[in-house]
Amino acid sequence: NTARMGIFKPNGSGPFPALILLHTCAAVDFDPRHMPYWVSQALKAGYAAFVVDSWSRRGISEHCRSSPTGFLPIHIAVRTRDAYDALEHLARFDFIDKLRIAAIGFSMGGRVNYQLARKPVREMYSPSGVRFAAAIAVYGKCLLEGLGLVYLDQDVDQPLLTLLGGWDQDGDPKVCVPRLEKLREKGAPVEWHVFPKTGHAWDQPRMWPPRTFSYLGSPEGVLFAYDSQVTEATREKA
């Protein structure tokens, strides 16, 4: 079941490049077609795929509208550690190309990917020196002003691709793009693309028809809207 945590590999002995998939604030199988889509696309492209579930084993059902006691301030740190633990684990397998392991994260998982591209975070969570080849943040919020939390910081030094929706009030391009432009001016290896007239969670079929939700960090409401064409464009860019 590719909608749950697991490692999936193409046929053959490899070594294969690999993609670590980091879910949203919801359960990893909240949309039963979301992770299977990305696993299937990774396998078709010749990548191994590792779906990481940060919630189930911790007894957390979701972190979109409710906050586990004492968990809110550290949730990104915990999930960043999970990603580096997954990286270390994958690097042990002979069928994995250890120099070509990337991560892709969606919404809250995208916030984690901003962290994965940062040098001080890598030094904290990967004392062995193993590193991600690239990080891809898909509709990830760049900062949470109300709590003073910055996800996309100015010490990014690894390849980072940020994909945003023009109508997304959560991963808001008006907030993210100026930060990305400053990073590029400093020589950071960042790329981005804004899909016009696109809301949040555009690669989740469960989000059709479009509707607005309020959740932690975005009480004013966010437009969730599946778009199959933007999903395919996201796959191509990733």
Protein backbone atom coordinates (compact mmCIF):
# COMPACT_ATOMS: atom_id res chain seq x y z
CA ASN A 1 0.00 0.00 0.00
CA THR A 2 1.86 3.07 -1.26
CA ALA A 3 -0.42 5.37 0.73
CA ARG A 4 1.44 4.29 3.88
CA MET A 5 5.01 4.39 5.10
CA GLY A 6 7.40 2.21 3.14
CA ILE A 7 10.32 1.98 0.74
CA PHE A 8 9.56 1.17 -2.89
CA LYS A 9 12.15 0.42 -5.58
CA PRO A 10 12.17 -0.09 -9.33
CA ASN A 11 12.95 -3.51 -10.75
CA GLY A 12 16.65 -4.33 -10.85
CA SER A 13 19.62 -4.01 -8.56
CA GLY A 14 20.39 -0.32 -9.03
CA PRO A 15 21.93 1.73 -7.63
CA PHE A 16 18.92 4.02 -8.01
CA PRO A 17 18.48 7.67 -7.15
CA ALA A 18 15.86 8.05 -4.44
CA LEU A 19 13.07 10.40 -3.45
CA ILE A 20 11.89 10.81 0.14
CA LEU A 21 8.23 11.90 0.31
CA LEU A 22 7.02 14.02 3.23
CA HIS A 23 3.27 14.29 3.78
CA THR A 24 1.11 17.28 4.69
CA CYS A 25 -0.23 18.15 8.14
CA ALA A 26 -2.89 15.48 7.57
CA ALA A 27 -2.41 11.72 7.81
CA VAL A 28 -0.16 10.25 5.14
CA ASP A 29 -3.20 8.48 3.62
CA PHE A 30 -5.68 11.37 4.04
CA ASP A 31 -6.00 11.43 0.26
CA PRO A 32 -5.61 7.78 -0.76
CA ARG A 33 -4.50 8.77 -4.26
CA HIS A 34 -1.91 11.41 -3.32
CA MET A 35 1.15 9.46 -2.18
CA PRO A 36 0.46 6.55 -4.60
CA TYR A 37 0.61 9.03 -7.47
CA TRP A 38 4.01 10.33 -6.40
CA VAL A 39 5.39 6.87 -5.69
CA SER A 40 4.28 5.65 -9.12
CA GLN A 41 5.84 8.65 -10.85
CA ALA A 42 9.11 8.19 -8.98
CA LEU A 43 9.28 4.52 -9.94
CA LYS A 44 8.49 5.30 -13.58
CA ALA A 45 11.37 7.78 -13.60
CA GLY A 46 13.76 5.17 -12.18
CA TYR A 47 13.79 6.45 -8.59
CA ALA A 48 13.31 4.51 -5.40
CA ALA A 49 10.71 6.16 -3.17
CA PHE A 50 10.50 6.33 0.62
CA VAL A 51 7.16 7.50 2.04
CA VAL A 52 7.81 8.81 5.57
CA ASP A 53 4.91 8.86 8.05
CA SER A 54 5.61 11.23 10.96
CA TRP A 55 2.23 10.83 12.66
CA SER A 56 0.97 7.24 13.03
CA ARG A 57 3.66 5.84 15.31
CA ARG A 58 3.35 8.90 17.53
CA GLY A 59 -0.40 8.42 17.91
CA ILE A 60 -1.20 11.61 15.97
CA SER A 61 -4.10 11.54 13.54
CA GLU A 62 -3.50 14.99 12.03
CA HIS A 63 -1.92 18.34 12.81
CA CYS A 64 -4.03 20.59 10.60
CA ARG A 65 -6.82 21.67 12.92
CA SER A 66 -5.69 20.25 16.25
CA SER A 67 -2.37 20.50 18.05
CA PRO A 68 -0.98 17.58 20.09
CA THR A 69 -0.15 18.80 23.58
CA GLY A 70 3.29 20.39 23.63
CA PHE A 71 3.91 19.50 20.00
CA LEU A 72 3.27 22.71 18.06
CA PRO A 73 6.58 24.49 18.75
CA ILE A 74 8.67 21.49 17.73
CA HIS A 75 6.69 19.85 14.95
CA ILE A 76 8.96 21.07 12.13
CA ALA A 77 12.08 20.08 14.10
CA VAL A 78 10.68 16.59 14.70
CA ARG A 79 9.77 16.13 11.05
CA THR A 80 13.15 17.46 9.93
CA ARG A 81 14.82 14.85 12.12
CA ASP A 82 12.53 12.22 10.61
CA ALA A 83 13.68 13.24 7.12
CA TYR A 84 17.35 12.98 8.05
CA ASP A 85 16.74 9.64 9.76
CA ALA A 86 15.14 8.46 6.52
CA LEU A 87 18.14 9.75 4.56
CA GLU A 88 20.58 7.88 6.81
CA HIS A 89 18.46 4.73 6.54
CA LEU A 90 18.25 4.81 2.74
CA ALA A 91 21.98 5.40 2.42
CA ARG A 92 22.63 1.98 3.98
CA PHE A 93 21.12 0.07 1.04
CA ASP A 94 23.31 -1.10 -1.83
CA PHE A 95 20.49 -0.47 -4.32
CA ILE A 96 20.48 3.27 -3.48
CA ASP A 97 22.78 5.87 -5.05
CA LYS A 98 23.78 7.64 -1.83
CA LEU A 99 24.77 10.83 -3.66
CA ARG A 100 21.39 11.20 -5.36
CA ILE A 101 18.78 11.19 -2.60
CA ALA A 102 16.33 14.08 -2.78
CA ALA A 103 13.22 15.01 -0.80
CA ILE A 104 9.84 16.34 -1.85
CA GLY A 105 7.36 17.68 0.68
CA PHE A 106 3.79 18.92 0.47
CA SER A 107 2.37 21.80 2.56
CA MET A 108 3.81 21.11 6.04
CA GLY A 109 6.17 18.68 4.34
CA GLY A 110 7.20 21.60 2.11
CA ARG A 111 8.06 23.62 5.20
CA VAL A 112 10.31 20.76 6.24
CA ASN A 113 12.01 20.82 2.85
CA TYR A 114 12.95 24.46 3.35
CA GLN A 115 14.76 23.29 6.47
CA LEU A 116 16.51 20.45 4.65
CA ALA A 117 18.20 22.96 2.33
CA ARG A 118 19.77 24.90 5.23
CA LYS A 119 23.41 24.41 6.21
CA PRO A 120 23.03 24.75 10.02
CA VAL A 121 20.11 22.32 10.01
CA ARG A 122 22.17 19.77 8.08
CA GLU A 123 25.05 20.16 10.53
CA MET A 124 22.65 19.60 13.43
CA TYR A 125 20.82 16.53 12.12
CA SER A 126 23.49 14.87 9.99
CA PRO A 127 26.76 14.68 11.91
CA SER A 128 27.91 11.91 9.54
CA GLY A 129 27.84 14.42 6.69
CA VAL A 130 25.27 12.63 4.52
CA ARG A 131 23.23 15.25 2.71
CA PHE A 132 20.24 15.64 0.45
CA ALA A 133 21.06 16.19 -3.20
CA ALA A 134 18.04 18.50 -3.53
CA ALA A 135 14.83 19.54 -1.79
CA ILE A 136 11.47 20.29 -3.41
CA ALA A 137 8.84 22.27 -1.50
CA VAL A 138 5.33 22.00 -2.95
CA TYR A 139 2.82 24.64 -1.72
CA GLY A 140 4.85 25.11 1.48
CA LYS A 141 4.30 28.15 3.72
CA CYS A 142 7.55 30.15 4.04
CA LEU A 143 6.96 31.72 7.45
CA LEU A 144 4.35 31.87 10.19
CA GLU A 145 4.41 35.50 11.29
CA GLY A 146 2.04 35.11 14.22
CA LEU A 147 4.41 32.72 15.98
CA GLY A 148 7.62 34.16 14.58
CA LEU A 149 8.45 30.89 12.79
CA VAL A 150 10.61 31.18 9.67
CA TYR A 151 10.79 28.08 7.47
CA LEU A 152 12.52 29.50 4.39
CA ASP A 153 15.56 31.19 5.94
CA GLN A 154 18.52 33.00 4.41
CA ASP A 155 21.12 30.26 5.03
CA VAL A 156 19.98 27.90 2.27
CA ASP A 157 23.02 26.40 0.55
CA GLN A 158 21.62 23.29 -1.19
CA PRO A 159 19.51 22.99 -4.35
CA LEU A 160 15.93 23.98 -3.54
CA LEU A 161 12.92 24.06 -5.84
CA THR A 162 9.83 25.87 -4.57
CA LEU A 163 6.48 25.41 -6.33
CA LEU A 164 3.65 27.76 -5.38
CA GLY A 165 0.07 28.54 -6.37
CA GLY A 166 -0.94 32.07 -7.30
CA TRP A 167 -4.22 31.78 -5.35
CA ASP A 168 -2.74 29.96 -2.35
CA GLN A 169 -3.09 31.98 0.87
CA ASP A 170 -0.88 29.48 2.75
CA GLY A 171 2.16 29.03 0.53
CA ASP A 172 1.67 32.62 -0.52
CA PRO A 173 3.92 33.73 -3.42
CA LYS A 174 3.77 37.33 -2.19
CA VAL A 175 5.58 36.16 0.95
CA CYS A 176 7.83 33.48 -0.51
CA VAL A 177 9.10 34.94 -3.79
CA PRO A 178 10.84 38.00 -2.26
CA ARG A 179 12.69 35.67 0.12
CA LEU A 180 13.69 33.43 -2.77
CA GLU A 181 14.87 36.43 -4.78
CA LYS A 182 17.12 37.50 -1.90
CA LEU A 183 18.55 34.00 -1.71
CA ARG A 184 19.28 33.96 -5.44
CA GLU A 185 20.97 37.36 -5.19
CA LYS A 186 23.30 35.83 -2.60
CA GLY A 187 24.12 32.98 -4.97
CA ALA A 188 22.00 30.28 -3.31
CA PRO A 189 20.98 27.41 -5.66
CA VAL A 190 17.24 28.12 -5.55
CA GLU A 191 14.58 27.89 -8.23
CA TRP A 192 10.86 28.56 -8.06
CA HIS A 193 7.72 28.64 -10.12
CA VAL A 194 4.31 30.13 -9.41
CA PHE A 195 1.34 28.42 -11.08
CA PRO A 196 -1.25 31.16 -11.84
CA LYS A 197 -4.85 30.78 -10.69
CA THR A 198 -3.89 27.79 -8.51
CA GLY A 199 -4.87 27.15 -4.90
CA HIS A 200 -3.45 24.90 -2.19
CA ALA A 201 -3.15 21.09 -2.38
CA TRP A 202 -3.49 21.12 -6.16
CA ASP A 203 -2.15 17.55 -6.51
CA GLN A 204 -4.71 16.00 -4.14
CA PRO A 205 -7.77 14.65 -6.00
CA ARG A 206 -9.75 14.71 -2.75
CA MET A 207 -9.69 18.50 -3.03
CA TRP A 208 -12.19 18.60 -5.88
CA PRO A 209 -14.45 20.49 -6.05
CA PRO A 210 -12.49 23.47 -4.68
CA ARG A 211 -13.35 24.64 -1.18
CA THR A 212 -11.96 26.82 1.58
CA PHE A 213 -10.63 25.48 4.88
CA SER A 214 -9.28 27.19 7.98
CA TYR A 215 -6.59 25.45 9.96
CA LEU A 216 -3.65 26.08 12.30
CA GLY A 217 -1.66 29.09 11.13
CA SER A 218 -4.28 30.09 8.56
CA PRO A 219 -7.52 30.80 10.45
CA GLU A 220 -8.67 33.23 7.77
CA GLY A 221 -9.12 30.33 5.36
CA VAL A 222 -7.20 28.78 2.46
CA LEU A 223 -8.49 27.73 -0.96
CA PHE A 224 -7.87 24.03 -1.60
CA ALA A 225 -8.31 23.12 -5.27
CA TYR A 226 -7.16 20.02 -7.16
CA ASP A 227 -5.85 20.65 -10.67
CA SER A 228 -4.71 17.70 -12.78
CA GLN A 229 -2.81 19.87 -15.27
CA VAL A 230 -0.86 21.67 -12.54
CA THR A 231 -0.16 18.28 -10.96
CA GLU A 232 1.44 17.05 -14.17
CA ALA A 233 3.42 20.28 -14.50
CA THR A 234 4.61 19.82 -10.92
CA ARG A 235 5.83 16.31 -11.73
CA GLU A 236 7.73 17.60 -14.78
CA LYS A 237 9.43 20.39 -12.85
CA ALA A 238 10.26 18.14 -9.91
